[in-house]
Amino acid sequence: MVARIFSPAKTAMQSGKAKTGNWLLEFEPSEPKKIDPLMGYTSSGDMKRQIRLSFESREEATAYAERNGIAYRVQEPKKPRRRPMSYSENFRFDRRMPWTH
């Protein structure tokens, strides 16, 4: 079973960067999820899907996986592209869309 080591991105509900610097180790699914025909719930017999370990750095996560003989792959985080803007750019005369209330 292969584990995935990654640094989670911030969710759409966050404006800050809290809790985004940690690295997680999760196991990839070994069997697909099944849909219960009566209630419609999804379930799986794969118990390793419930394991989610948190580490301070990527090196700690890879060292843990190597120490315990876990096959792993590292997924590098994508850096967000930020375009610097100021408040005054809302009122520029050459905007594509006019600013209205």
C-alpha atoms as a PDB file:
ATOM      1  CA  MET A   1       0.000   0.000   0.000  1.00  0.00           C
ATOM      2  CA  VAL A   2       1.372   3.396  -1.003  1.00  0.00           C
ATOM      3  CA  ALA A   3       1.180   6.469   1.198  1.00  0.00           C
ATOM      4  CA  ARG A   4       0.950  10.040  -0.060  1.00  0.00           C
ATOM      5  CA  ILE A   5       2.903  12.801   1.680  1.00  0.00           C
ATOM      6  CA  PHE A   6       1.634  16.300   0.952  1.00  0.00           C
ATOM      7  CA  SER A   7       1.127  19.765   2.369  1.00  0.00           C
ATOM      8  CA  PRO A   8      -2.582  20.687   2.242  1.00  0.00           C
ATOM      9  CA  ALA A   9      -3.649  23.952   0.653  1.00  0.00           C
ATOM     10  CA  LYS A  10      -5.905  26.354   2.461  1.00  0.00           C
ATOM     11  CA  THR A  11      -9.600  25.802   1.986  1.00  0.00           C
ATOM     12  CA  ALA A  12     -11.878  28.257   0.225  1.00  0.00           C
ATOM     13  CA  MET A  13     -13.371  29.170   3.594  1.00  0.00           C
ATOM     14  CA  GLN A  14     -10.047  30.459   4.946  1.00  0.00           C
ATOM     15  CA  SER A  15      -8.599  33.872   4.337  1.00  0.00           C
ATOM     16  CA  GLY A  16      -5.454  33.310   6.382  1.00  0.00           C
ATOM     17  CA  LYS A  17      -2.712  30.718   6.155  1.00  0.00           C
ATOM     18  CA  ALA A  18      -3.174  29.035   9.528  1.00  0.00           C
ATOM     19  CA  LYS A  19      -2.627  25.260   9.647  1.00  0.00           C
ATOM     20  CA  THR A  20      -1.298  25.135   6.077  1.00  0.00           C
ATOM     21  CA  GLY A  21       2.403  24.573   6.790  1.00  0.00           C
ATOM     22  CA  ASN A  22       2.040  21.019   8.118  1.00  0.00           C
ATOM     23  CA  TRP A  23       2.713  17.899   6.061  1.00  0.00           C
ATOM     24  CA  LEU A  24       0.290  14.968   6.079  1.00  0.00           C
ATOM     25  CA  LEU A  25       0.787  11.271   5.422  1.00  0.00           C
ATOM     26  CA  GLU A  26      -2.312   9.519   4.055  1.00  0.00           C
ATOM     27  CA  PHE A  27      -2.705   6.065   2.558  1.00  0.00           C
ATOM     28  CA  GLU A  28      -4.142   5.737  -0.922  1.00  0.00           C
ATOM     29  CA  PRO A  29      -7.264   3.572  -1.232  1.00  0.00           C
ATOM     30  CA  SER A  30      -6.701  -0.120  -1.841  1.00  0.00           C
ATOM     31  CA  GLU A  31     -10.308  -0.852  -2.788  1.00  0.00           C
ATOM     32  CA  PRO A  32     -13.093   1.310  -4.230  1.00  0.00           C
ATOM     33  CA  LYS A  33     -15.929   2.604  -2.087  1.00  0.00           C
ATOM     34  CA  LYS A  34     -19.254   0.789  -2.261  1.00  0.00           C
ATOM     35  CA  ILE A  35     -22.720   2.347  -2.225  1.00  0.00           C
ATOM     36  CA  ASP A  36     -25.224   0.816   0.153  1.00  0.00           C
ATOM     37  CA  PRO A  37     -28.319  -0.060  -1.914  1.00  0.00           C
ATOM     38  CA  LEU A  38     -30.809   0.624   0.908  1.00  0.00           C
ATOM     39  CA  MET A  39     -29.613   3.921   2.406  1.00  0.00           C
ATOM     40  CA  GLY A  40     -27.237   5.189  -0.278  1.00  0.00           C
ATOM     41  CA  TYR A  41     -24.301   5.564   2.120  1.00  0.00           C
ATOM     42  CA  THR A  42     -20.797   5.062   0.792  1.00  0.00           C
ATOM     43  CA  SER A  43     -18.592   2.640   2.684  1.00  0.00           C
ATOM     44  CA  SER A  44     -15.319   0.829   2.350  1.00  0.00           C
ATOM     45  CA  GLY A  45     -13.574  -2.030   4.086  1.00  0.00           C
ATOM     46  CA  ASP A  46     -10.217  -0.272   3.782  1.00  0.00           C
ATOM     47  CA  MET A  47      -9.214   0.676   7.328  1.00  0.00           C
ATOM     48  CA  LYS A  48      -5.989   2.468   6.360  1.00  0.00           C
ATOM     49  CA  ARG A  49      -8.032   5.253   4.721  1.00  0.00           C
ATOM     50  CA  GLN A  50      -8.801   6.486   8.255  1.00  0.00           C
ATOM     51  CA  ILE A  51      -5.134   7.050   9.116  1.00  0.00           C
ATOM     52  CA  ARG A  52      -3.972  10.639   8.708  1.00  0.00           C
ATOM     53  CA  LEU A  53      -0.658  11.549  10.338  1.00  0.00           C
ATOM     54  CA  SER A  54       0.529  15.149  10.679  1.00  0.00           C
ATOM     55  CA  PHE A  55       4.194  16.243  10.668  1.00  0.00           C
ATOM     56  CA  GLU A  56       5.998  19.566  11.020  1.00  0.00           C
ATOM     57  CA  SER A  57       8.149  19.081   7.906  1.00  0.00           C
ATOM     58  CA  ARG A  58       8.459  16.919   4.810  1.00  0.00           C
ATOM     59  CA  GLU A  59      11.701  15.416   6.110  1.00  0.00           C
ATOM     60  CA  GLU A  60       9.968  14.159   9.259  1.00  0.00           C
ATOM     61  CA  ALA A  61       7.194  12.542   7.211  1.00  0.00           C
ATOM     62  CA  THR A  62       9.602  10.795   4.829  1.00  0.00           C
ATOM     63  CA  ALA A  63      11.783   9.647   7.738  1.00  0.00           C
ATOM     64  CA  TYR A  64       8.707   8.141   9.439  1.00  0.00           C
ATOM     65  CA  ALA A  65       7.697   6.308   6.250  1.00  0.00           C
ATOM     66  CA  GLU A  66      11.203   4.940   5.688  1.00  0.00           C
ATOM     67  CA  ARG A  67      11.603   3.937   9.342  1.00  0.00           C
ATOM     68  CA  ASN A  68       8.344   1.934   9.232  1.00  0.00           C
ATOM     69  CA  GLY A  69       8.870   0.452   5.748  1.00  0.00           C
ATOM     70  CA  ILE A  70       5.971   2.323   4.128  1.00  0.00           C
ATOM     71  CA  ALA A  71       6.147   2.953   0.385  1.00  0.00           C
ATOM     72  CA  TYR A  72       5.425   6.622  -0.235  1.00  0.00           C
ATOM     73  CA  ARG A  73       5.342   9.362  -2.845  1.00  0.00           C
ATOM     74  CA  VAL A  74       5.796  13.050  -2.122  1.00  0.00           C
ATOM     75  CA  GLN A  75       3.429  15.558  -3.703  1.00  0.00           C
ATOM     76  CA  GLU A  76       5.017  19.000  -3.812  1.00  0.00           C
ATOM     77  CA  PRO A  77       2.737  21.925  -2.900  1.00  0.00           C
ATOM     78  CA  LYS A  78       1.823  24.442  -5.563  1.00  0.00           C
ATOM     79  CA  LYS A  79       2.644  28.025  -4.703  1.00  0.00           C
ATOM     80  CA  PRO A  80      -0.225  30.448  -5.311  1.00  0.00           C
ATOM     81  CA  ARG A  81       0.376  33.146  -7.886  1.00  0.00           C
ATOM     82  CA  ARG A  82      -0.484  36.472  -6.356  1.00  0.00           C
ATOM     83  CA  ARG A  83      -0.905  39.595  -8.382  1.00  0.00           C
ATOM     84  CA  PRO A  84      -0.128  42.665  -6.277  1.00  0.00           C
ATOM     85  CA  MET A  85      -3.097  45.006  -6.179  1.00  0.00           C
ATOM     86  CA  SER A  86      -3.929  48.091  -4.246  1.00  0.00           C
ATOM     87  CA  TYR A  87      -7.259  49.522  -3.224  1.00  0.00           C
ATOM     88  CA  SER A  88      -6.935  52.370  -5.705  1.00  0.00           C
ATOM     89  CA  GLU A  89      -6.988  49.904  -8.618  1.00  0.00           C
ATOM     90  CA  ASN A  90     -10.713  49.486  -8.002  1.00  0.00           C
ATOM     91  CA  PHE A  91     -11.225  53.023  -9.299  1.00  0.00           C
ATOM     92  CA  ARG A  92      -8.944  53.053 -12.347  1.00  0.00           C
ATOM     93  CA  PHE A  93     -10.390  54.686 -15.432  1.00  0.00           C
ATOM     94  CA  ASP A  94      -9.195  51.924 -17.784  1.00  0.00           C
ATOM     95  CA  ARG A  95     -10.916  49.004 -16.018  1.00  0.00           C
ATOM     96  CA  ARG A  96     -12.424  46.314 -18.196  1.00  0.00           C
ATOM     97  CA  MET A  97     -15.660  46.330 -16.234  1.00  0.00           C
ATOM     98  CA  PRO A  98     -17.034  49.537 -14.709  1.00  0.00           C
ATOM     99  CA  TRP A  99     -17.147  49.699 -10.941  1.00  0.00           C
ATOM    100  CA  THR A 100     -20.683  50.139  -9.602  1.00  0.00           C
ATOM    101  CA  HIS A 101     -22.516  49.583  -6.370  1.00  0.00           C
END
